[in-house]
Amino acid sequence: ELPAIKIAITGGGRVAKGAMEVMYGM
């Protein structure tokens, strides 16, 4: 349960896409 925060993810490769999977899942 996150407050209204802003998260910046750098990169466009496998690492960034993996991180984005978690963002979508949450």
PDB file of all heavy atoms in Angstrom:
ATOM      1  N   GLU A   1       0.859  -1.183   0.000  1.00  0.00           N
ATOM      2  CA  GLU A   1       0.000   0.000   0.000  1.00  0.00           C
ATOM      3  C   GLU A   1       0.898   1.237   0.000  1.00  0.00           C
ATOM      4  O   GLU A   1       1.440   1.632   1.030  1.00  0.00           O
ATOM      5  CB  GLU A   1      -0.931  -0.003   1.218  1.00  0.00           C
ATOM      6  CG  GLU A   1      -1.915  -1.169   1.229  1.00  0.00           C
ATOM      7  CD  GLU A   1      -2.873  -1.107   2.407  1.00  0.00           C
ATOM      8  OE1 GLU A   1      -2.808  -0.112   3.158  1.00  0.00           O
ATOM      9  OE2 GLU A   1      -3.651  -2.049   2.578  1.00  0.00           O
ATOM     10  N   LEU A   2       1.039   1.832  -1.170  1.00  0.00           N
ATOM     11  CA  LEU A   2       1.923   2.973  -1.340  1.00  0.00           C
ATOM     12  C   LEU A   2       1.140   4.279  -1.344  1.00  0.00           C
ATOM     13  O   LEU A   2       0.024   4.326  -1.852  1.00  0.00           O
ATOM     14  CB  LEU A   2       2.691   2.859  -2.660  1.00  0.00           C
ATOM     15  CG  LEU A   2       3.721   1.731  -2.780  1.00  0.00           C
ATOM     16  CD1 LEU A   2       4.187   1.604  -4.218  1.00  0.00           C
ATOM     17  CD2 LEU A   2       4.922   1.994  -1.867  1.00  0.00           C
ATOM     18  N   PRO A   3       1.715   5.332  -0.808  1.00  0.00           N
ATOM     19  CA  PRO A   3       1.108   6.656  -0.956  1.00  0.00           C
ATOM     20  C   PRO A   3       1.310   7.156  -2.388  1.00  0.00           C
ATOM     21  O   PRO A   3       1.853   6.430  -3.230  1.00  0.00           O
ATOM     22  CB  PRO A   3       1.886   7.511   0.052  1.00  0.00           C
ATOM     23  CG  PRO A   3       3.216   6.833   0.159  1.00  0.00           C
ATOM     24  CD  PRO A   3       2.951   5.363  -0.009  1.00  0.00           C
ATOM     25  N   ALA A   4       0.925   8.356  -2.665  1.00  0.00           N
ATOM     26  CA  ALA A   4       1.007   8.916  -4.018  1.00  0.00           C
ATOM     27  C   ALA A   4       2.438   9.361  -4.315  1.00  0.00           C
ATOM     28  O   ALA A   4       2.729  10.566  -4.423  1.00  0.00           O
ATOM     29  CB  ALA A   4       0.031  10.071  -4.176  1.00  0.00           C
ATOM     30  N   ILE A   5       3.327   8.395  -4.449  1.00  0.00           N
ATOM     31  CA  ILE A   5       4.730   8.698  -4.727  1.00  0.00           C
ATOM     32  C   ILE A   5       5.005   8.587  -6.219  1.00  0.00           C
ATOM     33  O   ILE A   5       4.219   8.032  -6.989  1.00  0.00           O
ATOM     34  CB  ILE A   5       5.669   7.750  -3.954  1.00  0.00           C
ATOM     35  CG1 ILE A   5       5.427   6.288  -4.365  1.00  0.00           C
ATOM     36  CG2 ILE A   5       5.508   7.942  -2.455  1.00  0.00           C
ATOM     37  CD1 ILE A   5       6.452   5.311  -3.804  1.00  0.00           C
ATOM     38  N   LYS A   6       6.174   9.120  -6.610  1.00  0.00           N
ATOM     39  CA  LYS A   6       6.630   9.031  -7.988  1.00  0.00           C
ATOM     40  C   LYS A   6       7.924   8.214  -8.037  1.00  0.00           C
ATOM     41  O   LYS A   6       8.857   8.476  -7.286  1.00  0.00           O
ATOM     42  CB  LYS A   6       6.874  10.419  -8.568  1.00  0.00           C
ATOM     43  CG  LYS A   6       5.599  11.224  -8.825  1.00  0.00           C
ATOM     44  CD  LYS A   6       5.915  12.563  -9.485  1.00  0.00           C
ATOM     45  CE  LYS A   6       4.634  13.294  -9.879  1.00  0.00           C
ATOM     46  NZ  LYS A   6       4.932  14.589 -10.554  1.00  0.00           N
ATOM     47  N   ILE A   7       7.951   7.234  -8.943  1.00  0.00           N
ATOM     48  CA  ILE A   7       9.085   6.320  -9.077  1.00  0.00           C
ATOM     49  C   ILE A   7       9.659   6.472 -10.477  1.00  0.00           C
ATOM     50  O   ILE A   7       8.938   6.336 -11.473  1.00  0.00           O
ATOM     51  CB  ILE A   7       8.653   4.860  -8.848  1.00  0.00           C
ATOM     52  CG1 ILE A   7       7.985   4.694  -7.482  1.00  0.00           C
ATOM     53  CG2 ILE A   7       9.837   3.912  -9.003  1.00  0.00           C
ATOM     54  CD1 ILE A   7       7.301   3.353  -7.289  1.00  0.00           C
ATOM     55  N   ALA A   8      10.942   6.750 -10.572  1.00  0.00           N
ATOM     56  CA  ALA A   8      11.620   6.856 -11.868  1.00  0.00           C
ATOM     57  C   ALA A   8      12.447   5.602 -12.107  1.00  0.00           C
ATOM     58  O   ALA A   8      13.226   5.191 -11.246  1.00  0.00           O
ATOM     59  CB  ALA A   8      12.517   8.088 -11.903  1.00  0.00           C
ATOM     60  N   ILE A   9      12.277   4.995 -13.281  1.00  0.00           N
ATOM     61  CA  ILE A   9      13.046   3.809 -13.669  1.00  0.00           C
ATOM     62  C   ILE A   9      13.889   4.175 -14.879  1.00  0.00           C
ATOM     63  O   ILE A   9      13.359   4.624 -15.898  1.00  0.00           O
ATOM     64  CB  ILE A   9      12.129   2.626 -14.027  1.00  0.00           C
ATOM     65  CG1 ILE A   9      11.277   2.220 -12.825  1.00  0.00           C
ATOM     66  CG2 ILE A   9      12.943   1.438 -14.528  1.00  0.00           C
ATOM     67  CD1 ILE A   9      10.260   1.125 -13.138  1.00  0.00           C
ATOM     68  N   THR A  10      15.216   4.018 -14.780  1.00  0.00           N
ATOM     69  CA  THR A  10      16.072   4.298 -15.925  1.00  0.00           C
ATOM     70  C   THR A  10      16.372   3.017 -16.689  1.00  0.00           C
ATOM     71  O   THR A  10      16.491   1.945 -16.105  1.00  0.00           O
ATOM     72  CB  THR A  10      17.404   4.938 -15.490  1.00  0.00           C
ATOM     73  OG1 THR A  10      18.123   4.028 -14.646  1.00  0.00           O
ATOM     74  CG2 THR A  10      17.160   6.250 -14.751  1.00  0.00           C
ATOM     75  N   GLY A  11      16.503   3.155 -18.004  1.00  0.00           N
ATOM     76  CA  GLY A  11      16.843   2.017 -18.851  1.00  0.00           C
ATOM     77  C   GLY A  11      15.696   1.577 -19.723  1.00  0.00           C
ATOM     78  O   GLY A  11      14.528   1.883 -19.453  1.00  0.00           O
ATOM     79  N   GLY A  12      16.035   0.839 -20.769  1.00  0.00           N
ATOM     80  CA  GLY A  12      15.019   0.346 -21.683  1.00  0.00           C
ATOM     81  C   GLY A  12      15.195  -1.114 -22.035  1.00  0.00           C
ATOM     82  O   GLY A  12      14.482  -1.640 -22.889  1.00  0.00           O
ATOM     83  N   GLY A  13      16.135  -1.787 -21.380  1.00  0.00           N
ATOM     84  CA  GLY A  13      16.429  -3.173 -21.699  1.00  0.00           C
ATOM     85  C   GLY A  13      15.752  -4.158 -20.770  1.00  0.00           C
ATOM     86  O   GLY A  13      14.709  -3.879 -20.171  1.00  0.00           O
ATOM     87  N   ARG A  14      16.358  -5.320 -20.624  1.00  0.00           N
ATOM     88  CA  ARG A  14      15.772  -6.405 -19.838  1.00  0.00           C
ATOM     89  C   ARG A  14      15.566  -6.001 -18.380  1.00  0.00           C
ATOM     90  O   ARG A  14      14.564  -6.353 -17.767  1.00  0.00           O
ATOM     91  CB  ARG A  14      16.674  -7.639 -19.879  1.00  0.00           C
ATOM     92  CG  ARG A  14      16.921  -8.228 -21.256  1.00  0.00           C
ATOM     93  CD  ARG A  14      17.885  -9.395 -21.111  1.00  0.00           C
ATOM     94  NE  ARG A  14      18.425  -9.830 -22.396  1.00  0.00           N
ATOM     95  CZ  ARG A  14      18.455 -11.097 -22.790  1.00  0.00           C
ATOM     96  NH1 ARG A  14      17.949 -12.027 -22.016  1.00  0.00           N
ATOM     97  NH2 ARG A  14      18.982 -11.430 -23.947  1.00  0.00           N
ATOM     98  N   VAL A  15      16.542  -5.288 -17.823  1.00  0.00           N
ATOM     99  CA  VAL A  15      16.450  -4.905 -16.409  1.00  0.00           C
ATOM    100  C   VAL A  15      15.252  -3.997 -16.184  1.00  0.00           C
ATOM    101  O   VAL A  15      14.429  -4.227 -15.287  1.00  0.00           O
ATOM    102  CB  VAL A  15      17.744  -4.217 -15.946  1.00  0.00           C
ATOM    103  CG1 VAL A  15      17.580  -3.671 -14.529  1.00  0.00           C
ATOM    104  CG2 VAL A  15      18.921  -5.185 -15.998  1.00  0.00           C
ATOM    105  N   ALA A  16      15.140  -2.954 -16.996  1.00  0.00           N
ATOM    106  CA  ALA A  16      14.029  -2.011 -16.845  1.00  0.00           C
ATOM    107  C   ALA A  16      12.691  -2.699 -17.078  1.00  0.00           C
ATOM    108  O   ALA A  16      11.711  -2.447 -16.358  1.00  0.00           O
ATOM    109  CB  ALA A  16      14.194  -0.838 -17.807  1.00  0.00           C
ATOM    110  N   LYS A  17      12.631  -3.574 -18.064  1.00  0.00           N
ATOM    111  CA  LYS A  17      11.375  -4.278 -18.343  1.00  0.00           C
ATOM    112  C   LYS A  17      10.998  -5.207 -17.189  1.00  0.00           C
ATOM    113  O   LYS A  17       9.817  -5.360 -16.867  1.00  0.00           O
ATOM    114  CB  LYS A  17      11.489  -5.046 -19.656  1.00  0.00           C
ATOM    115  CG  LYS A  17      11.553  -4.127 -20.878  1.00  0.00           C
ATOM    116  CD  LYS A  17      11.816  -4.891 -22.158  1.00  0.00           C
ATOM    117  CE  LYS A  17      11.910  -3.933 -23.342  1.00  0.00           C
ATOM    118  NZ  LYS A  17      12.289  -4.617 -24.604  1.00  0.00           N
ATOM    119  N   GLY A  18      12.005  -5.829 -16.575  1.00  0.00           N
ATOM    120  CA  GLY A  18      11.733  -6.649 -15.397  1.00  0.00           C
ATOM    121  C   GLY A  18      11.195  -5.811 -14.253  1.00  0.00           C
ATOM    122  O   GLY A  18      10.247  -6.213 -13.564  1.00  0.00           O
ATOM    123  N   ALA A  19      11.784  -4.630 -14.044  1.00  0.00           N
ATOM    124  CA  ALA A  19      11.302  -3.737 -12.991  1.00  0.00           C
ATOM    125  C   ALA A  19       9.873  -3.293 -13.270  1.00  0.00           C
ATOM    126  O   ALA A  19       9.040  -3.199 -12.354  1.00  0.00           O
ATOM    127  CB  ALA A  19      12.224  -2.525 -12.884  1.00  0.00           C
ATOM    128  N   MET A  20       9.564  -3.047 -14.534  1.00  0.00           N
ATOM    129  CA  MET A  20       8.220  -2.607 -14.899  1.00  0.00           C
ATOM    130  C   MET A  20       7.193  -3.704 -14.667  1.00  0.00           C
ATOM    131  O   MET A  20       6.035  -3.426 -14.359  1.00  0.00           O
ATOM    132  CB  MET A  20       8.215  -2.127 -16.347  1.00  0.00           C
ATOM    133  CG  MET A  20       8.991  -0.816 -16.545  1.00  0.00           C
ATOM    134  SD  MET A  20       9.396  -0.448 -18.272  1.00  0.00           S
ATOM    135  CE  MET A  20       7.760  -0.171 -18.951  1.00  0.00           C
ATOM    136  N   GLU A  21       7.604  -4.969 -14.787  1.00  0.00           N
ATOM    137  CA  GLU A  21       6.694  -6.078 -14.480  1.00  0.00           C
ATOM    138  C   GLU A  21       6.178  -5.962 -13.048  1.00  0.00           C
ATOM    139  O   GLU A  21       5.000  -6.223 -12.767  1.00  0.00           O
ATOM    140  CB  GLU A  21       7.404  -7.424 -14.647  1.00  0.00           C
ATOM    141  CG  GLU A  21       7.571  -7.905 -16.071  1.00  0.00           C
ATOM    142  CD  GLU A  21       8.146  -9.318 -16.105  1.00  0.00           C
ATOM    143  OE1 GLU A  21       7.620 -10.188 -15.379  1.00  0.00           O
ATOM    144  OE2 GLU A  21       9.126  -9.536 -16.840  1.00  0.00           O
ATOM    145  N   VAL A  22       7.074  -5.586 -12.143  1.00  0.00           N
ATOM    146  CA  VAL A  22       6.689  -5.444 -10.741  1.00  0.00           C
ATOM    147  C   VAL A  22       5.755  -4.250 -10.569  1.00  0.00           C
ATOM    148  O   VAL A  22       4.759  -4.312  -9.838  1.00  0.00           O
ATOM    149  CB  VAL A  22       7.937  -5.301  -9.850  1.00  0.00           C
ATOM    150  CG1 VAL A  22       7.546  -5.020  -8.405  1.00  0.00           C
ATOM    151  CG2 VAL A  22       8.785  -6.567  -9.928  1.00  0.00           C
ATOM    152  N   MET A  23       6.051  -3.153 -11.247  1.00  0.00           N
ATOM    153  CA  MET A  23       5.185  -1.973 -11.165  1.00  0.00           C
ATOM    154  C   MET A  23       3.768  -2.321 -11.623  1.00  0.00           C
ATOM    155  O   MET A  23       2.782  -1.984 -10.955  1.00  0.00           O
ATOM    156  CB  MET A  23       5.746  -0.842 -12.030  1.00  0.00           C
ATOM    157  CG  MET A  23       7.146  -0.351 -11.667  1.00  0.00           C
ATOM    158  SD  MET A  23       7.279   0.453 -10.060  1.00  0.00           S
ATOM    159  CE  MET A  23       8.096  -0.846  -9.125  1.00  0.00           C
ATOM    160  N   TYR A  24       3.674  -2.987 -12.750  1.00  0.00           N
ATOM    161  CA  TYR A  24       2.349  -3.387 -13.253  1.00  0.00           C
ATOM    162  C   TYR A  24       1.659  -4.331 -12.275  1.00  0.00           C
ATOM    163  O   TYR A  24       0.455  -4.210 -11.998  1.00  0.00           O
ATOM    164  CB  TYR A  24       2.479  -4.084 -14.610  1.00  0.00           C
ATOM    165  CG  TYR A  24       3.025  -3.228 -15.724  1.00  0.00           C
ATOM    166  CD1 TYR A  24       3.905  -3.759 -16.665  1.00  0.00           C
ATOM    167  CD2 TYR A  24       2.688  -1.880 -15.845  1.00  0.00           C
ATOM    168  CE1 TYR A  24       4.425  -2.987 -17.695  1.00  0.00           C
ATOM    169  CE2 TYR A  24       3.208  -1.095 -16.877  1.00  0.00           C
ATOM    170  CZ  TYR A  24       4.075  -1.660 -17.795  1.00  0.00           C
ATOM    171  OH  TYR A  24       4.587  -0.892 -18.807  1.00  0.00           O
ATOM    172  N   GLY A  25       2.422  -5.286 -11.736  1.00  0.00           N
ATOM    173  CA  GLY A  25       1.846  -6.263 -10.819  1.00  0.00           C
ATOM    174  C   GLY A  25       1.326  -5.635  -9.542  1.00  0.00           C
ATOM    175  O   GLY A  25       0.376  -6.148  -8.937  1.00  0.00           O
ATOM    176  N   MET A  26       1.938  -4.522  -9.131  1.00  0.00           N
ATOM    177  CA  MET A  26       1.499  -3.812  -7.923  1.00  0.00           C
ATOM    178  C   MET A  26       0.496  -2.705  -8.243  1.00  0.00           C
ATOM    179  O   MET A  26       0.162  -1.900  -7.373  1.00  0.00           O
ATOM    180  CB  MET A  26       2.707  -3.236  -7.184  1.00  0.00           C
ATOM    181  CG  MET A  26       3.622  -4.298  -6.613  1.00  0.00           C
ATOM    182  SD  MET A  26       5.039  -3.564  -5.725  1.00  0.00           S
ATOM    183  CE  MET A  26       5.846  -5.043  -5.104  1.00  0.00           C
TER     184      MET A  26
END
